[in-house]
Amino acid sequence: MYAIVEINGQQFKAEAGKKLFVHHMQEAENGSTVEFDKVLLVDKDGTVTVGLPTIEGAKIVCEVVSNLVKGDKVIVFHKKRRKGYRKRNGHRQQFTELKITEVVA
């Protein structure tokens, strides 16, 4: 059984026991449980239910494993040839690690 859920403006495929890395949620604390009710699609053993836009009564229950996880560093490099212009910038995205405990549908 899996579900497609919207968390912080992004859609994820959620199955019980899986881990998700979502955009950083400041209000989440390590070890706490979080529920998401914007479930867009549920698949129960081949029976697919699609919401219009969401499914009533369906929710995803998650446990916060780590509040702040940093992603890989991305280097942004700009250069204009023969002008002596070079600009280097780096970015590390912050994530929250969630473990899905159950899918209620």
PDB file of N, CA and C in Angstrom:
ATOM      1  N   MET A   1       0.856  -1.176   0.000  1.00  0.00           N
ATOM      2  CA  MET A   1       0.000   0.000   0.000  1.00  0.00           C
ATOM      3  C   MET A   1       0.900   1.236   0.000  1.00  0.00           C
ATOM      4  N   TYR A   2       0.589   2.157  -0.884  1.00  0.00           N
ATOM      5  CA  TYR A   2       1.333   3.413  -0.927  1.00  0.00           C
ATOM      6  C   TYR A   2       0.378   4.553  -1.197  1.00  0.00           C
ATOM      7  N   ALA A   3       0.877   5.770  -0.981  1.00  0.00           N
ATOM      8  CA  ALA A   3       0.075   6.971  -1.194  1.00  0.00           C
ATOM      9  C   ALA A   3       0.970   8.064  -1.757  1.00  0.00           C
ATOM     10  N   ILE A   4       0.364   8.951  -2.527  1.00  0.00           N
ATOM     11  CA  ILE A   4       1.039  10.156  -2.997  1.00  0.00           C
ATOM     12  C   ILE A   4       0.553  11.297  -2.111  1.00  0.00           C
ATOM     13  N   VAL A   5       1.507  11.945  -1.431  1.00  0.00           N
ATOM     14  CA  VAL A   5       1.154  12.975  -0.458  1.00  0.00           C
ATOM     15  C   VAL A   5       1.906  14.262  -0.792  1.00  0.00           C
ATOM     16  N   GLU A   6       1.273  15.397  -0.499  1.00  0.00           N
ATOM     17  CA  GLU A   6       1.915  16.694  -0.718  1.00  0.00           C
ATOM     18  C   GLU A   6       2.421  17.228   0.617  1.00  0.00           C
ATOM     19  N   ILE A   7       3.747  17.465   0.673  1.00  0.00           N
ATOM     20  CA  ILE A   7       4.385  17.976   1.886  1.00  0.00           C
ATOM     21  C   ILE A   7       5.196  19.210   1.498  1.00  0.00           C
ATOM     22  N   ASN A   8       4.867  20.344   2.087  1.00  0.00           N
ATOM     23  CA  ASN A   8       5.568  21.611   1.829  1.00  0.00           C
ATOM     24  C   ASN A   8       5.646  21.942   0.344  1.00  0.00           C
ATOM     25  N   GLY A   9       4.573  21.698  -0.405  1.00  0.00           N
ATOM     26  CA  GLY A   9       4.525  22.061  -1.815  1.00  0.00           C
ATOM     27  C   GLY A   9       5.147  21.056  -2.755  1.00  0.00           C
ATOM     28  N   GLN A  10       5.647  19.924  -2.262  1.00  0.00           N
ATOM     29  CA  GLN A  10       6.216  18.888  -3.114  1.00  0.00           C
ATOM     30  C   GLN A  10       5.445  17.592  -2.917  1.00  0.00           C
ATOM     31  N   GLN A  11       5.411  16.762  -3.951  1.00  0.00           N
ATOM     32  CA  GLN A  11       4.701  15.496  -3.883  1.00  0.00           C
ATOM     33  C   GLN A  11       5.690  14.354  -3.680  1.00  0.00           C
ATOM     34  N   PHE A  12       5.331  13.433  -2.785  1.00  0.00           N
ATOM     35  CA  PHE A  12       6.175  12.292  -2.467  1.00  0.00           C
ATOM     36  C   PHE A  12       5.353  11.017  -2.499  1.00  0.00           C
ATOM     37  N   LYS A  13       6.017   9.907  -2.824  1.00  0.00           N
ATOM     38  CA  LYS A  13       5.401   8.587  -2.734  1.00  0.00           C
ATOM     39  C   LYS A  13       5.713   8.050  -1.347  1.00  0.00           C
ATOM     40  N   ALA A  14       4.675   7.755  -0.570  1.00  0.00           N
ATOM     41  CA  ALA A  14       4.849   7.365   0.822  1.00  0.00           C
ATOM     42  C   ALA A  14       4.422   5.921   1.023  1.00  0.00           C
ATOM     43  N   GLU A  15       5.323   5.118   1.591  1.00  0.00           N
ATOM     44  CA  GLU A  15       5.031   3.746   1.982  1.00  0.00           C
ATOM     45  C   GLU A  15       5.477   3.575   3.424  1.00  0.00           C
ATOM     46  N   ALA A  16       4.802   2.711   4.159  1.00  0.00           N
ATOM     47  CA  ALA A  16       5.152   2.484   5.562  1.00  0.00           C
ATOM     48  C   ALA A  16       6.564   1.918   5.659  1.00  0.00           C
ATOM     49  N   GLY A  17       7.370   2.484   6.564  1.00  0.00           N
ATOM     50  CA  GLY A  17       8.735   2.024   6.768  1.00  0.00           C
ATOM     51  C   GLY A  17       9.785   2.747   5.949  1.00  0.00           C
ATOM     52  N   LYS A  18       9.382   3.564   4.982  1.00  0.00           N
ATOM     53  CA  LYS A  18      10.341   4.289   4.140  1.00  0.00           C
ATOM     54  C   LYS A  18      10.745   5.601   4.801  1.00  0.00           C
ATOM     55  N   LYS A  19      11.871   6.161   4.332  1.00  0.00           N
ATOM     56  CA  LYS A  19      12.339   7.453   4.809  1.00  0.00           C
ATOM     57  C   LYS A  19      12.173   8.499   3.718  1.00  0.00           C
ATOM     58  N   LEU A  20      11.841   9.715   4.132  1.00  0.00           N
ATOM     59  CA  LEU A  20      11.687  10.838   3.211  1.00  0.00           C
ATOM     60  C   LEU A  20      12.586  11.981   3.672  1.00  0.00           C
ATOM     61  N   PHE A  21      13.122  12.701   2.706  1.00  0.00           N
ATOM     62  CA  PHE A  21      13.862  13.925   2.982  1.00  0.00           C
ATOM     63  C   PHE A  21      13.056  15.069   2.381  1.00  0.00           C
ATOM     64  N   VAL A  22      12.406  15.851   3.242  1.00  0.00           N
ATOM     65  CA  VAL A  22      11.568  16.963   2.802  1.00  0.00           C
ATOM     66  C   VAL A  22      12.276  18.265   3.138  1.00  0.00           C
ATOM     67  N   HIS A  23      11.803  19.370   2.548  1.00  0.00           N
ATOM     68  CA  HIS A  23      12.376  20.672   2.873  1.00  0.00           C
ATOM     69  C   HIS A  23      12.275  20.916   4.375  1.00  0.00           C
ATOM     70  N   HIS A  24      13.225  21.649   4.893  1.00  0.00           N
ATOM     71  CA  HIS A  24      13.363  21.853   6.332  1.00  0.00           C
ATOM     72  C   HIS A  24      12.078  22.376   6.959  1.00  0.00           C
ATOM     73  N   MET A  25      11.621  21.677   8.002  1.00  0.00           N
ATOM     74  CA  MET A  25      10.437  22.080   8.757  1.00  0.00           C
ATOM     75  C   MET A  25      10.921  22.562  10.124  1.00  0.00           C
ATOM     76  N   GLN A  26      10.812  23.859  10.393  1.00  0.00           N
ATOM     77  CA  GLN A  26      11.372  24.440  11.616  1.00  0.00           C
ATOM     78  C   GLN A  26      10.606  24.012  12.858  1.00  0.00           C
ATOM     79  N   GLU A  27       9.298  23.763  12.723  1.00  0.00           N
ATOM     80  CA  GLU A  27       8.490  23.439  13.898  1.00  0.00           C
ATOM     81  C   GLU A  27       8.642  21.988  14.338  1.00  0.00           C
ATOM     82  N   ALA A  28       9.269  21.137  13.533  1.00  0.00           N
ATOM     83  CA  ALA A  28       9.412  19.725  13.873  1.00  0.00           C
ATOM     84  C   ALA A  28      10.573  19.520  14.851  1.00  0.00           C
ATOM     85  N   GLU A  29      10.356  18.622  15.819  1.00  0.00           N
ATOM     86  CA  GLU A  29      11.382  18.283  16.787  1.00  0.00           C
ATOM     87  C   GLU A  29      11.750  16.817  16.636  1.00  0.00           C
ATOM     88  N   ASN A  30      12.985  16.469  16.973  1.00  0.00           N
ATOM     89  CA  ASN A  30      13.437  15.089  16.856  1.00  0.00           C
ATOM     90  C   ASN A  30      12.596  14.170  17.741  1.00  0.00           C
ATOM     91  N   GLY A  31      12.124  13.058  17.158  1.00  0.00           N
ATOM     92  CA  GLY A  31      11.337  12.083  17.903  1.00  0.00           C
ATOM     93  C   GLY A  31       9.847  12.356  17.928  1.00  0.00           C
ATOM     94  N   SER A  32       9.405  13.508  17.464  1.00  0.00           N
ATOM     95  CA  SER A  32       7.977  13.820  17.481  1.00  0.00           C
ATOM     96  C   SER A  32       7.282  13.203  16.270  1.00  0.00           C
ATOM     97  N   THR A  33       5.971  13.114  16.336  1.00  0.00           N
ATOM     98  CA  THR A  33       5.196  12.582  15.216  1.00  0.00           C
ATOM     99  C   THR A  33       4.511  13.731  14.494  1.00  0.00           C
ATOM    100  N   VAL A  34       4.436  13.595  13.175  1.00  0.00           N
ATOM    101  CA  VAL A  34       3.837  14.613  12.317  1.00  0.00           C
ATOM    102  C   VAL A  34       2.841  13.917  11.410  1.00  0.00           C
ATOM    103  N   GLU A  35       1.689  14.553  11.186  1.00  0.00           N
ATOM    104  CA  GLU A  35       0.659  13.994  10.303  1.00  0.00           C
ATOM    105  C   GLU A  35       0.451  14.922   9.116  1.00  0.00           C
ATOM    106  N   PHE A  36       0.295  14.325   7.942  1.00  0.00           N
ATOM    107  CA  PHE A  36       0.016  15.074   6.722  1.00  0.00           C
ATOM    108  C   PHE A  36      -1.290  14.548   6.146  1.00  0.00           C
ATOM    109  N   ASP A  37      -2.226  15.464   5.859  1.00  0.00           N
ATOM    110  CA  ASP A  37      -3.543  15.033   5.388  1.00  0.00           C
ATOM    111  C   ASP A  37      -3.817  15.406   3.931  1.00  0.00           C
ATOM    112  N   LYS A  38      -2.841  15.966   3.242  1.00  0.00           N
ATOM    113  CA  LYS A  38      -3.019  16.274   1.822  1.00  0.00           C
ATOM    114  C   LYS A  38      -2.631  15.061   0.989  1.00  0.00           C
ATOM    115  N   VAL A  39      -3.430  14.013   1.072  1.00  0.00           N
ATOM    116  CA  VAL A  39      -3.182  12.767   0.338  1.00  0.00           C
ATOM    117  C   VAL A  39      -3.907  12.870  -1.004  1.00  0.00           C
ATOM    118  N   LEU A  40      -3.149  12.745  -2.087  1.00  0.00           N
ATOM    119  CA  LEU A  40      -3.699  12.927  -3.423  1.00  0.00           C
ATOM    120  C   LEU A  40      -4.125  11.622  -4.077  1.00  0.00           C
ATOM    121  N   LEU A  41      -3.464  10.505  -3.711  1.00  0.00           N
ATOM    122  CA  LEU A  41      -3.749   9.218  -4.334  1.00  0.00           C
ATOM    123  C   LEU A  41      -3.397   8.116  -3.342  1.00  0.00           C
ATOM    124  N   VAL A  42      -4.211   7.047  -3.329  1.00  0.00           N
ATOM    125  CA  VAL A  42      -3.944   5.888  -2.478  1.00  0.00           C
ATOM    126  C   VAL A  42      -4.092   4.635  -3.321  1.00  0.00           C
ATOM    127  N   ASP A  43      -3.127   3.714  -3.186  1.00  0.00           N
ATOM    128  CA  ASP A  43      -3.178   2.423  -3.873  1.00  0.00           C
ATOM    129  C   ASP A  43      -3.189   1.329  -2.817  1.00  0.00           C
ATOM    130  N   LYS A  44      -4.339   0.640  -2.681  1.00  0.00           N
ATOM    131  CA  LYS A  44      -4.488  -0.466  -1.737  1.00  0.00           C
ATOM    132  C   LYS A  44      -4.558  -1.756  -2.532  1.00  0.00           C
ATOM    133  N   ASP A  45      -3.437  -2.437  -2.649  1.00  0.00           N
ATOM    134  CA  ASP A  45      -3.379  -3.746  -3.318  1.00  0.00           C
ATOM    135  C   ASP A  45      -4.011  -3.719  -4.714  1.00  0.00           C
ATOM    136  N   GLY A  46      -3.675  -2.700  -5.480  1.00  0.00           N
ATOM    137  CA  GLY A  46      -4.178  -2.599  -6.851  1.00  0.00           C
ATOM    138  C   GLY A  46      -5.436  -1.755  -7.007  1.00  0.00           C
ATOM    139  N   THR A  47      -6.115  -1.430  -5.920  1.00  0.00           N
ATOM    140  CA  THR A  47      -7.292  -0.568  -5.967  1.00  0.00           C
ATOM    141  C   THR A  47      -6.834   0.869  -5.777  1.00  0.00           C
ATOM    142  N   VAL A  48      -6.939   1.665  -6.829  1.00  0.00           N
ATOM    143  CA  VAL A  48      -6.435   3.033  -6.809  1.00  0.00           C
ATOM    144  C   VAL A  48      -7.582   3.994  -6.538  1.00  0.00           C
ATOM    145  N   THR A  49      -7.374   4.893  -5.575  1.00  0.00           N
ATOM    146  CA  THR A  49      -8.339   5.941  -5.252  1.00  0.00           C
ATOM    147  C   THR A  49      -7.665   7.276  -5.492  1.00  0.00           C
ATOM    148  N   VAL A  50      -8.275   8.095  -6.342  1.00  0.00           N
ATOM    149  CA  VAL A  50      -7.725   9.404  -6.671  1.00  0.00           C
ATOM    150  C   VAL A  50      -8.605  10.466  -6.030  1.00  0.00           C
ATOM    151  N   GLY A  51      -7.983  11.423  -5.368  1.00  0.00           N
ATOM    152  CA  GLY A  51      -8.718  12.482  -4.704  1.00  0.00           C
ATOM    153  C   GLY A  51      -9.067  13.615  -5.649  1.00  0.00           C
ATOM    154  N   LEU A  52     -10.081  14.381  -5.233  1.00  0.00           N
ATOM    155  CA  LEU A  52     -10.515  15.536  -6.025  1.00  0.00           C
ATOM    156  C   LEU A  52     -10.532  16.774  -5.144  1.00  0.00           C
ATOM    157  N   PRO A  53      -9.534  17.486  -4.810  1.00  0.00           N
ATOM    158  CA  PRO A  53      -8.121  17.238  -5.074  1.00  0.00           C
ATOM    159  C   PRO A  53      -7.482  16.302  -4.056  1.00  0.00           C
ATOM    160  N   THR A  54      -8.072  16.170  -2.836  1.00  0.00           N
ATOM    161  CA  THR A  54      -7.491  15.281  -1.836  1.00  0.00           C
ATOM    162  C   THR A  54      -8.516  14.231  -1.422  1.00  0.00           C
ATOM    163  N   ILE A  55      -8.055  13.206  -0.715  1.00  0.00           N
ATOM    164  CA  ILE A  55      -8.922  12.128  -0.246  1.00  0.00           C
ATOM    165  C   ILE A  55      -9.326  12.429   1.194  1.00  0.00           C
ATOM    166  N   GLU A  56     -10.646  12.402   1.455  1.00  0.00           N
ATOM    167  CA  GLU A  56     -11.159  12.689   2.792  1.00  0.00           C
ATOM    168  C   GLU A  56     -10.797  11.557   3.753  1.00  0.00           C
ATOM    169  N   GLY A  57     -10.280  11.915   4.914  1.00  0.00           N
ATOM    170  CA  GLY A  57      -9.980  10.941   5.952  1.00  0.00           C
ATOM    171  C   GLY A  57      -8.647  10.234   5.804  1.00  0.00           C
ATOM    172  N   ALA A  58      -7.957  10.419   4.713  1.00  0.00           N
ATOM    173  CA  ALA A  58      -6.658   9.777   4.515  1.00  0.00           C
ATOM    174  C   ALA A  58      -5.565  10.668   5.085  1.00  0.00           C
ATOM    175  N   LYS A  59      -4.547  10.030   5.679  1.00  0.00           N
ATOM    176  CA  LYS A  59      -3.439  10.797   6.227  1.00  0.00           C
ATOM    177  C   LYS A  59      -2.204   9.912   6.297  1.00  0.00           C
ATOM    178  N   ILE A  60      -1.057  10.573   6.422  1.00  0.00           N
ATOM    179  CA  ILE A  60       0.228   9.910   6.556  1.00  0.00           C
ATOM    180  C   ILE A  60       0.775  10.278   7.929  1.00  0.00           C
ATOM    181  N   VAL A  61       1.172   9.290   8.718  1.00  0.00           N
ATOM    182  CA  VAL A  61       1.742   9.526  10.034  1.00  0.00           C
ATOM    183  C   VAL A  61       3.239   9.264   9.949  1.00  0.00           C
ATOM    184  N   CYS A  62       4.031  10.277  10.314  1.00  0.00           N
ATOM    185  CA  CYS A  62       5.496  10.191  10.207  1.00  0.00           C
ATOM    186  C   CYS A  62       6.144  10.498  11.553  1.00  0.00           C
ATOM    187  N   GLU A  63       7.345   9.971  11.718  1.00  0.00           N
ATOM    188  CA  GLU A  63       8.168  10.285  12.882  1.00  0.00           C
ATOM    189  C   GLU A  63       9.371  11.072  12.402  1.00  0.00           C
ATOM    190  N   VAL A  64       9.710  12.149  13.104  1.00  0.00           N
ATOM    191  CA  VAL A  64      10.852  12.978  12.736  1.00  0.00           C
ATOM    192  C   VAL A  64      12.120  12.299  13.238  1.00  0.00           C
ATOM    193  N   VAL A  65      12.966  11.842  12.308  1.00  0.00           N
ATOM    194  CA  VAL A  65      14.223  11.191  12.674  1.00  0.00           C
ATOM    195  C   VAL A  65      15.274  12.250  12.982  1.00  0.00           C
ATOM    196  N   SER A  66      15.412  13.217  12.082  1.00  0.00           N
ATOM    197  CA  SER A  66      16.374  14.297  12.276  1.00  0.00           C
ATOM    198  C   SER A  66      15.769  15.585  11.753  1.00  0.00           C
ATOM    199  N   ASN A  67      15.800  16.619  12.577  1.00  0.00           N
ATOM    200  CA  ASN A  67      15.193  17.894  12.199  1.00  0.00           C
ATOM    201  C   ASN A  67      15.985  18.613  11.122  1.00  0.00           C
ATOM    202  N   LEU A  68      17.310  18.511  11.173  1.00  0.00           N
ATOM    203  CA  LEU A  68      18.144  19.256  10.227  1.00  0.00           C
ATOM    204  C   LEU A  68      19.195  18.342   9.626  1.00  0.00           C
ATOM    205  N   VAL A  69      19.073  18.098   8.322  1.00  0.00           N
ATOM    206  CA  VAL A  69      20.052  17.327   7.560  1.00  0.00           C
ATOM    207  C   VAL A  69      20.468  18.205   6.391  1.00  0.00           C
ATOM    208  N   LYS A  70      21.773  18.343   6.177  1.00  0.00           N
ATOM    209  CA  LYS A  70      22.242  19.153   5.062  1.00  0.00           C
ATOM    210  C   LYS A  70      22.471  18.277   3.849  1.00  0.00           C
ATOM    211  N   GLY A  71      22.043  18.755   2.701  1.00  0.00           N
ATOM    212  CA  GLY A  71      22.210  18.026   1.454  1.00  0.00           C
ATOM    213  C   GLY A  71      23.607  18.220   0.890  1.00  0.00           C
ATOM    214  N   ASP A  72      23.839  17.650  -0.282  1.00  0.00           N
ATOM    215  CA  ASP A  72      25.129  17.784  -0.938  1.00  0.00           C
ATOM    216  C   ASP A  72      25.362  19.225  -1.367  1.00  0.00           C
ATOM    217  N   LYS A  73      26.627  19.616  -1.422  1.00  0.00           N
ATOM    218  CA  LYS A  73      26.966  20.973  -1.824  1.00  0.00           C
ATOM    219  C   LYS A  73      26.869  21.091  -3.344  1.00  0.00           C
ATOM    220  N   VAL A  74      26.222  22.146  -3.788  1.00  0.00           N
ATOM    221  CA  VAL A  74      26.081  22.446  -5.206  1.00  0.00           C
ATOM    222  C   VAL A  74      26.903  23.697  -5.490  1.00  0.00           C
ATOM    223  N   ILE A  75      27.807  23.602  -6.445  1.00  0.00           N
ATOM    224  CA  ILE A  75      28.658  24.735  -6.817  1.00  0.00           C
ATOM    225  C   ILE A  75      28.043  25.426  -8.033  1.00  0.00           C
ATOM    226  N   VAL A  76      27.855  26.737  -7.910  1.00  0.00           N
ATOM    227  CA  VAL A  76      27.360  27.548  -9.020  1.00  0.00           C
ATOM    228  C   VAL A  76      28.528  28.406  -9.482  1.00  0.00           C
ATOM    229  N   PHE A  77      28.940  28.257 -10.737  1.00  0.00           N
ATOM    230  CA  PHE A  77      30.127  28.940 -11.249  1.00  0.00           C
ATOM    231  C   PHE A  77      29.751  29.705 -12.511  1.00  0.00           C
ATOM    232  N   HIS A  78      29.977  31.015 -12.499  1.00  0.00           N
ATOM    233  CA  HIS A  78      29.720  31.869 -13.649  1.00  0.00           C
ATOM    234  C   HIS A  78      31.055  32.374 -14.189  1.00  0.00           C
ATOM    235  N   LYS A  79      31.166  32.419 -15.492  1.00  0.00           N
ATOM    236  CA  LYS A  79      32.398  32.908 -16.106  1.00  0.00           C
ATOM    237  C   LYS A  79      32.066  33.564 -17.436  1.00  0.00           C
ATOM    238  N   LYS A  80      32.739  34.664 -17.706  1.00  0.00           N
ATOM    239  CA  LYS A  80      32.671  35.285 -19.027  1.00  0.00           C
ATOM    240  C   LYS A  80      34.068  35.228 -19.618  1.00  0.00           C
ATOM    241  N   ARG A  81      34.180  34.593 -20.734  1.00  0.00           N
ATOM    242  CA  ARG A  81      35.505  34.382 -21.302  1.00  0.00           C
ATOM    243  C   ARG A  81      36.123  35.698 -21.774  1.00  0.00           C
ATOM    244  N   ARG A  82      37.434  35.769 -21.643  1.00  0.00           N
ATOM    245  CA  ARG A  82      38.261  36.896 -22.064  1.00  0.00           C
ATOM    246  C   ARG A  82      37.921  38.203 -21.345  1.00  0.00           C
ATOM    247  N   LYS A  83      37.177  38.170 -20.291  1.00  0.00           N
ATOM    248  CA  LYS A  83      36.815  39.393 -19.562  1.00  0.00           C
ATOM    249  C   LYS A  83      37.387  39.416 -18.151  1.00  0.00           C
ATOM    250  N   GLY A  84      37.908  38.292 -17.696  1.00  0.00           N
ATOM    251  CA  GLY A  84      38.435  38.230 -16.344  1.00  0.00           C
ATOM    252  C   GLY A  84      37.353  38.125 -15.285  1.00  0.00           C
ATOM    253  N   TYR A  85      36.135  37.774 -15.692  1.00  0.00           N
ATOM    254  CA  TYR A  85      35.015  37.690 -14.760  1.00  0.00           C
ATOM    255  C   TYR A  85      34.779  36.232 -14.378  1.00  0.00           C
ATOM    256  N   ARG A  86      34.941  35.953 -13.097  1.00  0.00           N
ATOM    257  CA  ARG A  86      34.631  34.633 -12.562  1.00  0.00           C
ATOM    258  C   ARG A  86      33.916  34.817 -11.231  1.00  0.00           C
ATOM    259  N   LYS A  87      32.871  34.063 -11.025  1.00  0.00           N
ATOM    260  CA  LYS A  87      32.120  34.152  -9.786  1.00  0.00           C
ATOM    261  C   LYS A  87      31.767  32.726  -9.350  1.00  0.00           C
ATOM    262  N   ARG A  88      32.102  32.388  -8.117  1.00  0.00           N
ATOM    263  CA  ARG A  88      31.865  31.051  -7.599  1.00  0.00           C
ATOM    264  C   ARG A  88      30.995  31.166  -6.357  1.00  0.00           C
ATOM    265  N   ASN A  89      29.953  30.357  -6.307  1.00  0.00           N
ATOM    266  CA  ASN A  89      29.034  30.389  -5.179  1.00  0.00           C
ATOM    267  C   ASN A  89      28.614  28.958  -4.868  1.00  0.00           C
ATOM    268  N   GLY A  90      28.420  28.639  -3.591  1.00  0.00           N
ATOM    269  CA  GLY A  90      28.001  27.305  -3.191  1.00  0.00           C
ATOM    270  C   GLY A  90      26.696  27.354  -2.414  1.00  0.00           C
ATOM    271  N   HIS A  91      25.998  26.214  -2.385  1.00  0.00           N
ATOM    272  CA  HIS A  91      24.723  26.142  -1.680  1.00  0.00           C
ATOM    273  C   HIS A  91      24.529  24.729  -1.147  1.00  0.00           C
ATOM    274  N   ARG A  92      24.059  24.633   0.101  1.00  0.00           N
ATOM    275  CA  ARG A  92      23.683  23.345   0.689  1.00  0.00           C
ATOM    276  C   ARG A  92      22.246  23.465   1.175  1.00  0.00           C
ATOM    277  N   GLN A  93      21.367  22.662   0.604  1.00  0.00           N
ATOM    278  CA  GLN A  93      19.956  22.685   0.978  1.00  0.00           C
ATOM    279  C   GLN A  93      19.761  22.000   2.326  1.00  0.00           C
ATOM    280  N   GLN A  94      18.848  22.515   3.136  1.00  0.00           N
ATOM    281  CA  GLN A  94      18.542  21.922   4.432  1.00  0.00           C
ATOM    282  C   GLN A  94      17.280  21.086   4.321  1.00  0.00           C
ATOM    283  N   PHE A  95      17.319  19.881   4.889  1.00  0.00           N
ATOM    284  CA  PHE A  95      16.206  18.943   4.825  1.00  0.00           C
ATOM    285  C   PHE A  95      15.818  18.497   6.225  1.00  0.00           C
ATOM    286  N   THR A  96      14.623  17.923   6.329  1.00  0.00           N
ATOM    287  CA  THR A  96      14.168  17.230   7.521  1.00  0.00           C
ATOM    288  C   THR A  96      13.951  15.782   7.140  1.00  0.00           C
ATOM    289  N   GLU A  97      14.500  14.857   7.924  1.00  0.00           N
ATOM    290  CA  GLU A  97      14.375  13.432   7.630  1.00  0.00           C
ATOM    291  C   GLU A  97      13.177  12.868   8.383  1.00  0.00           C
ATOM    292  N   LEU A  98      12.248  12.255   7.637  1.00  0.00           N
ATOM    293  CA  LEU A  98      11.042  11.673   8.209  1.00  0.00           C
ATOM    294  C   LEU A  98      11.018  10.179   7.943  1.00  0.00           C
ATOM    295  N   LYS A  99      10.498   9.403   8.912  1.00  0.00           N
ATOM    296  CA  LYS A  99      10.259   7.979   8.712  1.00  0.00           C
ATOM    297  C   LYS A  99       8.758   7.770   8.767  1.00  0.00           C
ATOM    298  N   ILE A 100       8.207   7.148   7.738  1.00  0.00           N
ATOM    299  CA  ILE A 100       6.774   6.950   7.645  1.00  0.00           C
ATOM    300  C   ILE A 100       6.387   5.739   8.500  1.00  0.00           C
ATOM    301  N   THR A 101       5.524   5.957   9.492  1.00  0.00           N
ATOM    302  CA  THR A 101       5.108   4.864  10.363  1.00  0.00           C
ATOM    303  C   THR A 101       3.870   4.158   9.831  1.00  0.00           C
ATOM    304  N   GLU A 102       2.904   4.923   9.308  1.00  0.00           N
ATOM    305  CA  GLU A 102       1.712   4.271   8.738  1.00  0.00           C
ATOM    306  C   GLU A 102       1.017   5.171   7.730  1.00  0.00           C
ATOM    307  N   VAL A 103       0.273   4.508   6.848  1.00  0.00           N
ATOM    308  CA  VAL A 103      -0.543   5.196   5.860  1.00  0.00           C
ATOM    309  C   VAL A 103      -1.998   4.853   6.201  1.00  0.00           C
ATOM    310  N   VAL A 104      -2.781   5.855   6.586  1.00  0.00           N
ATOM    311  CA  VAL A 104      -4.172   5.646   6.966  1.00  0.00           C
ATOM    312  C   VAL A 104      -5.061   6.084   5.816  1.00  0.00           C
ATOM    313  N   ALA A 105      -5.866   5.142   5.300  1.00  0.00           N
ATOM    314  CA  ALA A 105      -6.744   5.469   4.183  1.00  0.00           C
ATOM    315  C   ALA A 105      -8.102   4.831   4.362  1.00  0.00           C
TER     316      ALA A 105
END
